[in-house]
Amino acid sequence: MAVSAVSRRVVRERAQLRCEYCHADERWQFIRFTIDHVLPLSAGGSGDADNLALACRNCNERRGNRSEGGDPETGQVVPIFNPRQEPWADHFAWDVTGMRIVGRTSTGRATIELLDLNDNRHDGAVLRIRQRDVSDGYHPPSEDPILSK
């Protein structure tokens, strides 16, 4: 199901051009972000704007059609973060360097693990981009919580 141009615009503006999972800013990336179905179409989700999120390619591809993940701390299977229903800061914060996302809840930890938000299992490109954005002063977003030492 194609997402309408109006829905795309609503989603992009609502997200402030930021991936709603990892909070990367599209303005400083080399590729345009995608529209993600929070509840996948295969699970009965719709193309309505209230079921759509802006997602960088890494987050969108790593998530696929999954909406649950394992909390690496407890081993429990929990729903992953839903940007349409939950504030990002309830589940995530940045470490003191602004480089790594820290899970504050089981949902946060499961989402970090499933989407590999800290790029632990891949080639490190996400962290290289984040490092550049931190150095250039674009990252982390000013409204995001940062853990103290």
Protein backbone atom coordinates (compact mmCIF):
# COMPACT_ATOMS: atom_id res chain seq x y z
CA MET A 1 0.00 0.00 0.00
CA ALA A 2 1.52 3.29 -1.09
CA VAL A 3 1.69 6.10 1.45
CA SER A 4 0.05 9.27 0.16
CA ALA A 5 2.06 12.43 -0.39
CA VAL A 6 -0.02 14.18 2.27
CA SER A 7 0.71 11.46 4.84
CA ARG A 8 4.42 11.56 3.97
CA ARG A 9 4.51 15.31 4.55
CA VAL A 10 2.62 14.98 7.87
CA VAL A 11 4.99 12.25 9.08
CA ARG A 12 8.14 14.12 8.07
CA GLU A 13 7.00 17.38 9.70
CA ARG A 14 5.79 15.65 12.87
CA ALA A 15 9.17 13.90 13.21
CA GLN A 16 11.07 17.14 12.56
CA LEU A 17 13.09 15.23 9.93
CA ARG A 18 14.44 12.91 12.63
CA CYS A 19 14.35 9.11 12.66
CA GLU A 20 11.78 8.36 15.31
CA TYR A 21 13.75 5.33 16.54
CA CYS A 22 17.43 6.38 16.68
CA HIS A 23 16.93 10.16 16.46
CA ALA A 24 19.34 10.59 13.55
CA ASP A 25 18.65 13.86 11.72
CA GLU A 26 17.90 13.42 8.03
CA ARG A 27 19.31 16.87 7.21
CA TRP A 28 22.84 15.63 7.90
CA GLN A 29 22.54 12.24 6.19
CA PHE A 30 23.34 11.20 2.65
CA ILE A 31 20.02 9.49 1.95
CA ARG A 32 16.39 10.41 2.49
CA PHE A 33 14.61 8.59 5.32
CA THR A 34 11.77 6.13 4.77
CA ILE A 35 8.22 5.91 6.05
CA ASP A 36 7.77 3.01 8.48
CA HIS A 37 4.48 1.31 9.35
CA VAL A 38 4.58 1.16 13.17
CA LEU A 39 2.07 -1.68 13.14
CA PRO A 40 3.19 -3.52 10.00
CA LEU A 41 0.69 -3.97 7.18
CA SER A 42 1.23 -7.73 7.51
CA ALA A 43 -0.09 -7.46 11.10
CA GLY A 44 -3.15 -5.42 10.16
CA GLY A 45 -1.60 -1.95 10.26
CA SER A 46 -2.82 0.83 8.03
CA GLY A 47 -1.26 3.54 5.90
CA ASP A 48 -2.87 6.25 8.03
CA ALA A 49 -0.51 8.91 9.39
CA ASP A 50 -1.23 7.75 12.95
CA ASN A 51 0.45 4.43 12.10
CA LEU A 52 3.46 5.89 10.31
CA ALA A 53 6.86 6.97 11.54
CA LEU A 54 9.88 8.50 9.88
CA ALA A 55 12.75 6.01 10.00
CA CYS A 56 16.31 5.99 8.72
CA ARG A 57 17.08 3.10 6.41
CA ASN A 58 19.04 1.24 9.10
CA CYS A 59 16.18 1.29 11.59
CA ASN A 60 13.54 0.48 8.99
CA GLU A 61 15.46 -2.42 7.46
CA ARG A 62 16.58 -3.89 10.78
CA ARG A 63 13.05 -3.75 12.16
CA GLY A 64 11.36 -5.37 9.18
CA ASN A 65 7.84 -6.34 10.21
CA ARG A 66 8.71 -7.17 13.81
CA SER A 67 7.05 -5.38 16.70
CA GLU A 68 8.53 -7.37 19.61
CA GLY A 69 12.05 -7.96 20.78
CA GLY A 70 14.02 -9.51 23.59
CA ASP A 71 15.21 -7.42 26.52
CA PRO A 72 18.88 -8.43 26.82
CA GLU A 73 18.81 -7.69 30.55
CA THR A 74 15.79 -9.81 31.51
CA GLY A 75 15.37 -12.15 28.55
CA GLN A 76 11.70 -11.13 28.38
CA VAL A 77 10.02 -10.65 24.99
CA VAL A 78 8.37 -7.21 25.00
CA PRO A 79 6.84 -4.82 22.49
CA ILE A 80 9.41 -2.54 20.89
CA PHE A 81 9.15 1.23 21.09
CA ASN A 82 6.07 2.73 19.43
CA PRO A 83 6.74 6.36 18.48
CA ARG A 84 3.04 7.01 17.97
CA GLN A 85 2.13 6.06 21.53
CA GLU A 86 5.21 6.69 23.69
CA PRO A 87 7.66 9.56 24.26
CA TRP A 88 11.21 8.66 23.18
CA ALA A 89 12.68 9.96 26.47
CA ASP A 90 10.58 7.51 28.50
CA HIS A 91 12.57 4.62 27.03
CA PHE A 92 15.91 6.06 25.90
CA ALA A 93 18.71 8.45 26.82
CA TRP A 94 22.15 9.18 25.40
CA ASP A 95 25.33 8.21 27.18
CA VAL A 96 27.58 11.11 28.23
CA THR A 97 29.37 11.07 24.86
CA GLY A 98 26.13 11.43 22.89
CA MET A 99 27.22 8.41 20.85
CA ARG A 100 25.30 5.51 22.33
CA ILE A 101 21.62 5.14 23.11
CA VAL A 102 20.93 3.68 26.54
CA GLY A 103 17.73 1.77 27.24
CA ARG A 104 15.86 3.03 30.31
CA THR A 105 13.16 0.35 30.16
CA SER A 106 12.74 -3.19 28.89
CA THR A 107 11.07 -1.74 25.79
CA GLY A 108 14.02 0.60 25.26
CA ARG A 109 16.59 -2.17 25.68
CA ALA A 110 14.67 -4.55 23.39
CA THR A 111 14.38 -1.85 20.73
CA ILE A 112 18.10 -1.05 20.93
CA GLU A 113 18.90 -4.74 20.57
CA LEU A 114 16.45 -5.49 17.74
CA LEU A 115 17.30 -2.41 15.68
CA ASP A 116 20.98 -2.51 16.69
CA LEU A 117 20.74 1.21 17.43
CA ASN A 118 24.34 1.32 18.66
CA ASP A 119 25.63 -0.55 15.61
CA ASN A 120 27.22 -3.34 17.65
CA ARG A 121 26.63 -6.08 15.06
CA HIS A 122 27.23 -4.18 11.85
CA ASP A 123 30.06 -2.25 10.23
CA GLY A 124 30.06 0.75 12.56
CA ALA A 125 28.76 3.19 9.93
CA VAL A 126 26.00 4.45 12.24
CA LEU A 127 28.52 5.30 14.95
CA ARG A 128 30.83 6.98 12.44
CA ILE A 129 27.98 9.18 11.24
CA ARG A 130 26.93 9.89 14.84
CA GLN A 131 30.50 10.83 15.74
CA ARG A 132 30.62 13.26 12.85
CA ASP A 133 27.28 14.77 13.90
CA VAL A 134 28.44 15.09 17.54
CA SER A 135 31.68 16.76 16.37
CA ASP A 136 29.72 19.13 14.12
CA GLY A 137 27.31 19.98 16.96
CA TYR A 138 24.20 18.48 15.33
CA HIS A 139 23.79 15.63 17.75
CA PRO A 140 22.31 14.56 20.11
CA PRO A 141 19.04 16.50 19.80
CA SER A 142 18.90 19.18 22.49
CA GLU A 143 15.63 17.91 23.96
CA ASP A 144 16.89 14.33 24.41
CA PRO A 145 18.04 13.27 27.88
CA ILE A 146 21.73 12.61 28.45
CA LEU A 147 22.83 10.38 31.31
CA SER A 148 25.30 11.87 33.73
CA LYS A 149 28.51 10.03 34.57
